[in-house]
Amino acid sequence: MMNKINILATLSLLMSATAFSQSNSLSSSPYSLYGMGSFNTTNTGKTASLGYTGIASSSSESINNLNPASMASIPLNTFFFDMGMKSEYGFQIDGGTNESKFIANFSDVALAFPLTKKSGVSITLIPYTNVGYSISNLESDIEGAASSFTSDIEGSGGLNDFKLNYGYALLDNLSVGVSGSVLFGQIIEQETNYIGTNVLDIYESNSYSGLQVGFGTQYKPFETVTLGAVVTLPTNLSGDQIRDVSQLYDSDISTEENLDDFKLPLEVGFGIQTRFLDQVNVALDYKKKYWTDTNQTDQLGTFVDQNLFGLSVEFDPNGNQLKYKNRMQYRAGLTYDTGNLEINDKKISNYALSLGLGIPISYNTVSMLNLAYSYGKKGQIYDGIIQENYHMLTLNISLAGRWFQKRMIQ
């Protein structure tokens, strides 16, 4: 079993690195037009069904990618592997028309294992931002003329996050961790302009890359209570652009240039998790992103400080493990995000409700099939702003195995 998991993990990391970097269907949101796109909300394991809480959660049964300090809780001789997929059906309302779109793709691939009795590491690859918008029949005036032209614009791509987490237990109830991320990816925009009988095509490929560092800690003041904190340092993403312009009856023009750095803000988060009656886990997370300090704006809006709140409840019967129903896990979560973008003096906020199941797939390990459904709303119908409603399904296969363990021979 362990060899199979190792092979699967290696192949999945290689395949997903290619899939993520080339994917153009990870988002259906019109708000992915702004900045680097829509920031990804999916993550490893059961996170999607728990309102994206996890700052105070351990990695004792599955990979928690939200706090590197949790890697210290990986049991000795244990190997975790996680792979996820998501599908999303979204529809946009602008007060007059409705438009819908469906997308499906990989959402994450990750593996984790202990280094010593007190330390562990994880390697994850997840989308960091997603771009996927389409604008048709956009009418614009020709400068200095009384006529106009129409445009069709499509955007795709996004950034990926290849992250290494390390956690170490300073004490039995106190652990610390550090994470390092390589952020990379392409954002592609294709624009077709119809000017009278002429057609002008513009293709832009914007490539960005950068490094990001984070820190975390977890502390258990009581056996049933865990406190957590995380900090992600600000960083700059460097970029370059390849631009191709072509039109009928004329030669193509291709240019390359460096882009201004895109600044990612300081992030600070806190979480608490407590267990009741040895069956119910309740978690509450808060995170703030200081976008205002980056002093940057988008052509269509302004970046503002972002506050994220998450609340989750998980019921784990924890009864007779020989009975299948006692090994099922039931989850619910609620998340609210004030958004990092302000358009026409209105913040583009987002909230979502999620429900999920943990379905055991092995009797002698904690391997789970994690299913989650989320319904959310983003934005509002106001002064040209679009409201986006979406349904999301996520499926994560979270496998656990034993390694470097001698077999007992009678």
Protein backbone atom coordinates (compact mmCIF):
# COMPACT_ATOMS: atom_id res chain seq x y z
CA MET A 1 0.00 0.00 0.00
CA MET A 2 2.81 2.38 0.90
CA ASN A 3 4.66 1.86 -2.39
CA LYS A 4 1.46 2.52 -4.33
CA ILE A 5 0.89 5.79 -2.48
CA ASN A 6 4.49 6.89 -3.13
CA ILE A 7 4.19 6.19 -6.86
CA LEU A 8 0.81 7.92 -7.03
CA ALA A 9 2.14 10.96 -5.20
CA THR A 10 5.16 11.34 -7.48
CA LEU A 11 3.16 10.96 -10.68
CA SER A 12 0.47 13.35 -9.47
CA LEU A 13 2.98 16.07 -8.58
CA LEU A 14 4.54 15.86 -12.04
CA MET A 15 1.19 15.79 -13.85
CA SER A 16 -0.34 18.55 -11.77
CA ALA A 17 2.63 20.88 -12.26
CA THR A 18 1.90 20.76 -15.96
CA ALA A 19 -1.87 20.86 -15.57
CA PHE A 20 -1.87 23.91 -13.29
CA SER A 21 0.60 25.90 -15.35
CA GLN A 22 -1.33 25.35 -18.57
CA SER A 23 -4.89 25.42 -17.28
CA ASN A 24 -7.28 28.08 -18.51
CA SER A 25 -10.45 26.91 -16.81
CA LEU A 26 -9.90 27.26 -13.08
CA SER A 27 -12.23 30.25 -12.77
CA SER A 28 -15.52 31.44 -14.21
CA SER A 29 -15.63 34.69 -12.25
CA PRO A 30 -15.93 38.06 -14.03
CA TYR A 31 -14.00 39.52 -11.09
CA SER A 32 -10.92 37.59 -12.23
CA LEU A 33 -10.47 40.51 -14.66
CA TYR A 34 -8.91 42.55 -11.84
CA GLY A 35 -5.31 42.41 -10.64
CA MET A 36 -3.78 38.93 -10.76
CA GLY A 37 -7.26 37.35 -10.92
CA SER A 38 -9.51 35.82 -8.26
CA PHE A 39 -7.59 34.43 -5.32
CA ASN A 40 -8.06 30.69 -4.92
CA THR A 41 -10.19 29.44 -2.02
CA THR A 42 -9.81 25.68 -2.39
CA ASN A 43 -7.08 23.86 -0.49
CA THR A 44 -6.06 20.43 0.75
CA GLY A 45 -8.18 17.77 2.46
CA LYS A 46 -11.36 18.80 4.21
CA THR A 47 -10.71 22.56 4.17
CA ALA A 48 -13.41 23.34 1.59
CA SER A 49 -16.18 21.94 3.80
CA LEU A 50 -15.00 23.81 6.92
CA GLY A 51 -15.35 27.41 5.80
CA TYR A 52 -11.62 27.40 4.95
CA THR A 53 -10.72 27.35 8.64
CA GLY A 54 -7.59 25.56 9.80
CA ILE A 55 -5.12 27.96 11.41
CA ALA A 56 -5.47 26.02 14.69
CA SER A 57 -6.00 22.56 13.13
CA SER A 58 -3.42 19.79 13.30
CA SER A 59 -2.02 17.54 10.59
CA SER A 60 -2.38 14.37 12.67
CA GLU A 61 -4.92 12.78 10.29
CA SER A 62 -4.58 14.78 7.04
CA ILE A 63 -2.56 17.61 5.52
CA ASN A 64 -3.37 21.09 6.86
CA ASN A 65 -1.79 23.58 4.47
CA LEU A 66 -3.02 26.67 6.36
CA ASN A 67 -0.42 26.67 9.15
CA PRO A 68 3.12 25.26 8.74
CA ALA A 69 3.36 24.64 12.49
CA SER A 70 0.79 21.84 12.11
CA MET A 71 3.42 19.70 10.35
CA ALA A 72 4.91 18.96 13.78
CA SER A 73 1.82 16.86 14.57
CA ILE A 74 2.30 14.33 11.74
CA PRO A 75 2.59 10.91 13.44
CA LEU A 76 5.91 9.10 13.14
CA ASN A 77 6.14 6.54 10.29
CA THR A 78 3.12 8.12 8.57
CA PHE A 79 2.87 9.38 5.01
CA PHE A 80 0.01 11.59 3.78
CA PHE A 81 -1.02 12.24 0.19
CA ASP A 82 -3.85 14.46 -1.01
CA MET A 83 -5.24 15.19 -4.44
CA GLY A 84 -8.32 17.27 -5.19
CA MET A 85 -10.66 18.30 -7.95
CA LYS A 86 -13.28 21.02 -8.09
CA SER A 87 -16.21 21.85 -10.32
CA GLU A 88 -18.03 25.17 -10.27
CA TYR A 89 -21.23 26.42 -11.80
CA GLY A 90 -21.48 30.18 -11.64
CA PHE A 91 -24.01 32.65 -12.96
CA GLN A 92 -23.73 36.41 -13.12
CA ILE A 93 -26.54 38.95 -12.78
CA ASP A 94 -26.11 42.58 -13.85
CA GLY A 95 -29.68 43.78 -13.46
CA GLY A 96 -30.69 43.06 -17.03
CA THR A 97 -29.12 39.81 -18.20
CA ASN A 98 -27.95 36.52 -16.72
CA GLU A 99 -24.92 34.54 -17.85
CA SER A 100 -23.75 31.15 -16.62
CA LYS A 101 -20.55 29.13 -16.92
CA PHE A 102 -19.32 25.71 -15.77
CA ILE A 103 -15.69 24.77 -15.10
CA ALA A 104 -13.91 21.72 -13.67
CA ASN A 105 -10.25 21.05 -12.94
CA PHE A 106 -7.67 19.85 -10.41
CA SER A 107 -7.60 21.91 -7.21
CA ASP A 108 -4.51 20.62 -5.36
CA VAL A 109 -1.90 17.94 -4.97
CA ALA A 110 0.10 17.52 -1.76
CA LEU A 111 2.20 15.12 0.28
CA ALA A 112 3.49 15.23 3.86
CA PHE A 113 5.64 13.11 6.15
CA PRO A 114 7.55 13.39 9.46
CA LEU A 115 11.28 14.05 9.60
CA THR A 116 11.68 13.22 13.27
CA LYS A 117 9.39 12.57 16.21
CA LYS A 118 9.04 16.34 16.65
CA SER A 119 9.09 17.65 13.08
CA GLY A 120 7.47 17.18 9.70
CA VAL A 121 7.23 18.66 6.21
CA SER A 122 4.70 18.98 3.42
CA ILE A 123 4.94 19.86 -0.25
CA THR A 124 1.86 21.30 -1.94
CA LEU A 125 0.92 22.63 -5.35
CA ILE A 126 -2.28 24.63 -5.59
CA PRO A 127 -3.63 27.45 -7.77
CA TYR A 128 -2.87 30.83 -6.16
CA THR A 129 -5.02 32.97 -8.44
CA ASN A 130 -7.48 32.05 -11.18
CA VAL A 131 -8.34 34.00 -14.32
CA GLY A 132 -11.29 33.16 -16.54
CA TYR A 133 -13.42 35.96 -17.97
CA SER A 134 -15.13 36.65 -21.27
CA ILE A 135 -16.51 39.99 -22.52
CA SER A 136 -18.44 40.17 -25.78
CA ASN A 137 -19.61 43.10 -27.91
CA LEU A 138 -17.97 45.76 -25.76
CA GLU A 139 -18.58 49.08 -27.52
CA SER A 140 -16.01 51.89 -27.29
CA ASP A 141 -15.68 55.29 -28.94
CA ILE A 142 -12.84 55.97 -31.36
CA GLU A 143 -10.81 58.86 -29.99
CA GLY A 144 -11.15 61.95 -32.17
CA ALA A 145 -13.94 60.47 -34.28
CA ALA A 146 -17.71 60.23 -34.11
CA SER A 147 -17.72 56.47 -34.75
CA SER A 148 -17.17 53.51 -32.43
CA PHE A 149 -15.84 49.94 -32.49
CA THR A 150 -16.71 46.68 -30.71
CA SER A 151 -14.42 44.25 -28.91
CA ASP A 152 -14.44 40.65 -27.71
CA ILE A 153 -12.04 40.02 -24.80
CA GLU A 154 -11.07 36.76 -23.12
CA GLY A 155 -8.73 36.18 -20.19
CA SER A 156 -7.30 32.91 -18.89
CA GLY A 157 -4.53 31.43 -16.76
CA GLY A 158 -3.43 32.47 -13.28
CA LEU A 159 -0.65 31.94 -10.75
CA ASN A 160 0.39 28.73 -9.00
CA ASP A 161 1.72 28.25 -5.47
CA PHE A 162 4.41 25.59 -4.98
CA LYS A 163 4.89 25.53 -1.21
CA LEU A 164 7.15 23.81 1.30
CA ASN A 165 5.93 23.74 4.93
CA TYR A 166 8.10 22.77 7.91
CA GLY A 167 6.91 22.41 11.49
CA TYR A 168 8.77 21.67 14.74
CA ALA A 169 7.44 20.93 18.24
CA LEU A 170 9.31 23.05 20.79
CA LEU A 171 7.22 21.55 23.61
CA ASP A 172 4.48 18.95 23.83
CA ASN A 173 1.90 21.73 23.52
CA LEU A 174 3.79 24.31 21.44
CA SER A 175 4.94 24.10 17.83
CA VAL A 176 6.32 26.56 15.31
CA GLY A 177 6.64 26.47 11.55
CA VAL A 178 7.93 28.19 8.46
CA SER A 179 6.78 28.06 4.84
CA GLY A 180 8.36 29.04 1.56
CA SER A 181 6.43 29.46 -1.68
CA VAL A 182 7.42 29.82 -5.29
CA LEU A 183 4.67 31.75 -7.06
CA PHE A 184 4.61 31.53 -10.83
CA GLY A 185 2.27 31.53 -13.79
CA GLN A 186 0.88 33.24 -16.88
CA ILE A 187 -2.12 35.46 -17.45
CA ILE A 188 -3.23 35.59 -21.07
CA GLU A 189 -5.60 38.12 -22.62
CA GLN A 190 -6.86 37.90 -26.18
CA GLU A 191 -8.71 40.87 -27.64
CA THR A 192 -10.42 41.09 -31.02
CA ASN A 193 -11.48 44.57 -32.17
CA TYR A 194 -13.92 45.13 -35.03
CA ILE A 195 -13.34 48.56 -36.59
CA GLY A 196 -15.55 48.94 -39.63
CA THR A 197 -14.41 46.24 -42.06
CA ASN A 198 -11.04 45.86 -40.34
CA VAL A 199 -10.21 43.35 -37.60
CA LEU A 200 -7.44 44.04 -35.08
CA ASP A 201 -6.23 41.16 -32.87
CA ILE A 202 -4.17 41.77 -29.73
CA TYR A 203 -2.58 38.89 -27.79
CA GLU A 204 -0.88 39.54 -24.44
CA SER A 205 0.96 36.95 -22.37
CA ASN A 206 1.94 38.26 -18.93
CA SER A 207 4.30 36.04 -16.90
CA TYR A 208 4.83 36.62 -13.17
CA SER A 209 7.05 34.99 -10.56
CA GLY A 210 8.24 35.58 -7.01
CA LEU A 211 9.03 34.08 -3.61
CA GLN A 212 6.88 34.29 -0.49
CA VAL A 213 7.74 33.41 3.12
CA GLY A 214 5.38 32.69 6.00
CA PHE A 215 5.51 31.68 9.67
CA GLY A 216 3.10 29.95 12.01
CA THR A 217 2.63 28.71 15.55
CA GLN A 218 0.17 26.50 17.42
CA TYR A 219 -0.32 26.29 21.18
CA LYS A 220 -2.53 23.97 23.25
CA PRO A 221 -3.30 25.57 26.63
CA PHE A 222 -5.69 22.69 27.32
CA GLU A 223 -6.09 19.22 25.85
CA THR A 224 -9.28 20.21 24.02
CA VAL A 225 -8.27 23.73 22.93
CA THR A 226 -5.73 24.80 20.30
CA LEU A 227 -4.71 28.36 19.40
CA GLY A 228 -2.98 29.22 16.15
CA ALA A 229 -1.40 32.20 14.42
CA VAL A 230 0.13 32.76 10.98
CA VAL A 231 2.02 35.59 9.29
CA THR A 232 2.82 35.87 5.58
CA LEU A 233 5.37 38.51 4.66
CA PRO A 234 4.75 41.00 1.83
CA THR A 235 6.52 40.36 -1.45
CA ASN A 236 6.80 41.60 -5.03
CA LEU A 237 6.02 39.59 -8.14
CA SER A 238 8.16 40.49 -11.13
CA GLY A 239 6.61 40.26 -14.57
CA ASP A 240 7.26 40.46 -18.27
CA GLN A 241 4.92 40.72 -21.23
CA ILE A 242 4.88 39.42 -24.78
CA ARG A 243 2.45 41.37 -26.98
CA ASP A 244 1.44 40.45 -30.50
CA VAL A 245 -0.72 42.74 -32.66
CA SER A 246 -2.09 41.61 -36.01
CA GLN A 247 -4.61 42.98 -38.47
CA LEU A 248 -5.85 42.34 -41.97
CA TYR A 249 -3.67 43.50 -44.84
CA ASP A 250 -0.79 44.49 -42.55
CA SER A 251 2.28 42.89 -40.98
CA ASP A 252 2.23 41.61 -37.40
CA ILE A 253 3.93 43.54 -34.61
CA SER A 254 5.51 41.70 -31.65
CA THR A 255 7.01 43.39 -28.59
CA GLU A 256 8.49 42.29 -25.25
CA GLU A 257 8.78 44.43 -22.13
CA ASN A 258 9.14 44.26 -18.37
CA LEU A 259 6.03 44.90 -16.30
CA ASP A 260 5.76 46.80 -13.05
CA ASP A 261 6.05 44.57 -9.98
CA PHE A 262 2.76 43.43 -8.49
CA LYS A 263 2.83 43.77 -4.71
CA LEU A 264 1.36 41.16 -2.38
CA PRO A 265 0.52 42.45 1.11
CA LEU A 266 1.34 41.46 4.65
CA GLU A 267 -1.11 38.82 5.93
CA VAL A 268 -1.87 38.09 9.59
CA GLY A 269 -4.23 35.39 10.83
CA PHE A 270 -5.47 33.91 14.11
CA GLY A 271 -7.50 30.79 14.85
CA ILE A 272 -8.96 28.76 17.68
CA GLN A 273 -10.25 25.21 17.68
CA THR A 274 -11.93 23.37 20.52
CA ARG A 275 -13.38 19.89 20.92
CA PHE A 276 -16.59 19.14 22.82
CA LEU A 277 -17.75 15.77 24.19
CA ASP A 278 -14.92 14.08 22.30
CA GLN A 279 -17.08 14.23 19.15
CA VAL A 280 -17.50 17.85 17.98
CA ASN A 281 -14.78 20.18 16.69
CA VAL A 282 -15.55 23.90 16.43
CA ALA A 283 -13.09 26.28 14.75
CA LEU A 284 -13.01 30.04 14.25
CA ASP A 285 -10.47 31.85 12.04
CA TYR A 286 -9.74 35.48 11.26
CA LYS A 287 -7.26 36.79 8.70
CA LYS A 288 -6.40 40.28 7.51
CA LYS A 289 -4.55 41.27 4.34
CA TYR A 290 -3.11 44.81 4.30
CA TRP A 291 -3.67 45.69 0.65
CA THR A 292 -3.82 49.45 1.32
CA ASP A 293 -0.13 49.42 2.27
CA THR A 294 0.81 48.23 -1.23
CA ASN A 295 -0.23 51.64 -2.64
CA GLN A 296 -1.36 50.18 -5.92
CA THR A 297 -4.56 50.48 -7.92
CA ASP A 298 -6.22 48.61 -10.74
CA GLN A 299 -7.49 50.42 -13.83
CA LEU A 300 -11.05 49.54 -12.87
CA GLY A 301 -10.89 49.67 -9.08
CA THR A 302 -8.87 50.28 -5.91
CA PHE A 303 -7.21 47.70 -3.64
CA VAL A 304 -8.36 47.95 -0.01
CA ASP A 305 -7.62 46.06 3.21
CA GLN A 306 -9.28 42.64 3.27
CA ASN A 307 -10.83 40.84 6.26
CA LEU A 308 -11.69 37.14 6.15
CA PHE A 309 -13.77 35.28 8.74
CA GLY A 310 -14.37 31.53 8.93
CA LEU A 311 -16.49 29.36 11.24
CA SER A 312 -16.78 25.58 11.12
CA VAL A 313 -18.30 22.62 12.94
CA GLU A 314 -17.24 19.01 12.46
CA PHE A 315 -19.00 15.99 13.99
CA ASP A 316 -16.87 12.88 14.39
CA PRO A 317 -18.83 10.10 16.18
CA ASN A 318 -15.58 8.50 17.36
CA GLY A 319 -17.48 5.42 18.51
CA ASN A 320 -17.04 1.74 17.70
CA GLN A 321 -14.55 1.87 14.84
CA LEU A 322 -15.81 -1.45 13.50
CA LYS A 323 -19.08 0.23 12.54
CA TYR A 324 -18.80 2.18 9.31
CA LYS A 325 -21.23 4.92 10.38
CA ASN A 326 -19.08 5.69 13.42
CA ARG A 327 -16.14 6.50 11.16
CA MET A 328 -18.03 8.98 8.97
CA GLN A 329 -17.38 12.69 9.53
CA TYR A 330 -19.99 15.43 9.02
CA ARG A 331 -18.95 19.03 8.43
CA ALA A 332 -20.34 22.52 7.91
CA GLY A 333 -18.68 25.88 7.46
CA LEU A 334 -19.40 29.55 6.89
CA THR A 335 -17.00 32.11 5.45
CA TYR A 336 -17.23 35.86 4.89
CA ASP A 337 -14.69 37.89 2.92
CA THR A 338 -14.89 41.69 2.75
CA GLY A 339 -12.86 41.57 -0.48
CA ASN A 340 -9.70 43.37 -1.56
CA LEU A 341 -11.27 45.42 -4.34
CA GLU A 342 -13.43 48.55 -4.27
CA ILE A 343 -15.37 49.60 -7.39
CA ASN A 344 -17.53 52.72 -7.50
CA ASP A 345 -17.06 53.10 -3.71
CA LYS A 346 -18.41 49.59 -3.11
CA LYS A 347 -16.36 46.68 -1.77
CA ILE A 348 -16.72 43.40 -3.66
CA SER A 349 -17.49 41.14 -0.70
CA ASN A 350 -18.07 37.41 -0.76
CA TYR A 351 -19.78 34.91 1.53
CA ALA A 352 -20.25 31.17 1.26
CA LEU A 353 -21.91 28.30 3.11
CA SER A 354 -20.40 24.83 2.85
CA LEU A 355 -21.42 21.29 3.79
CA GLY A 356 -19.28 18.19 3.62
CA LEU A 357 -18.71 14.53 4.36
CA GLY A 358 -15.64 12.54 5.26
CA ILE A 359 -16.08 9.01 3.91
CA PRO A 360 -13.55 6.44 5.22
CA ILE A 361 -11.94 4.29 2.55
CA SER A 362 -9.78 2.08 4.77
CA TYR A 363 -10.28 0.26 8.07
CA ASN A 364 -6.68 0.36 9.26
CA THR A 365 -5.77 3.97 8.30
CA VAL A 366 -7.34 7.43 8.45
CA SER A 367 -7.63 7.64 4.65
CA MET A 368 -10.72 9.60 3.61
CA LEU A 369 -12.74 10.61 0.61
CA ASN A 370 -13.66 14.23 1.36
CA LEU A 371 -16.72 15.68 -0.38
CA ALA A 372 -17.82 19.32 -0.06
CA TYR A 373 -20.56 21.49 -1.51
CA SER A 374 -20.48 25.29 -1.27
CA TYR A 375 -22.93 27.98 -2.26
CA GLY A 376 -21.78 31.55 -2.34
CA LYS A 377 -22.40 35.10 -3.53
CA LYS A 378 -19.88 37.71 -4.61
CA GLY A 379 -20.56 41.37 -5.31
CA GLN A 380 -23.95 43.03 -5.67
CA ILE A 381 -26.09 44.61 -8.35
CA TYR A 382 -25.24 48.28 -7.99
CA ASP A 383 -24.13 51.02 -10.41
CA GLY A 384 -22.79 48.65 -13.04
CA ILE A 385 -21.42 46.09 -10.55
CA ILE A 386 -22.19 42.43 -11.25
CA GLN A 387 -23.46 39.94 -8.68
CA GLU A 388 -21.97 36.48 -9.01
CA ASN A 389 -23.69 33.42 -7.52
CA TYR A 390 -21.93 30.07 -7.59
CA HIS A 391 -22.26 26.41 -6.66
CA MET A 392 -19.02 24.53 -6.05
CA LEU A 393 -18.32 20.82 -5.59
CA THR A 394 -14.92 19.63 -4.40
CA LEU A 395 -13.58 16.10 -4.11
CA ASN A 396 -10.37 15.31 -2.24
CA ILE A 397 -8.76 11.92 -1.91
CA SER A 398 -6.75 12.01 1.31
CA LEU A 399 -4.60 8.90 1.73
CA ALA A 400 -2.58 7.83 4.76
CA GLY A 401 0.00 5.07 4.89
CA ARG A 402 2.72 3.67 7.13
CA TRP A 403 6.37 3.60 6.15
CA PHE A 404 9.70 2.50 7.62
CA GLN A 405 7.80 0.24 10.01
CA LYS A 406 9.05 -3.27 10.69
CA ARG A 407 6.54 -6.07 10.38
CA MET A 408 5.97 -8.25 13.42
CA ILE A 409 6.65 -11.93 12.65
CA GLN A 410 5.24 -14.50 15.02
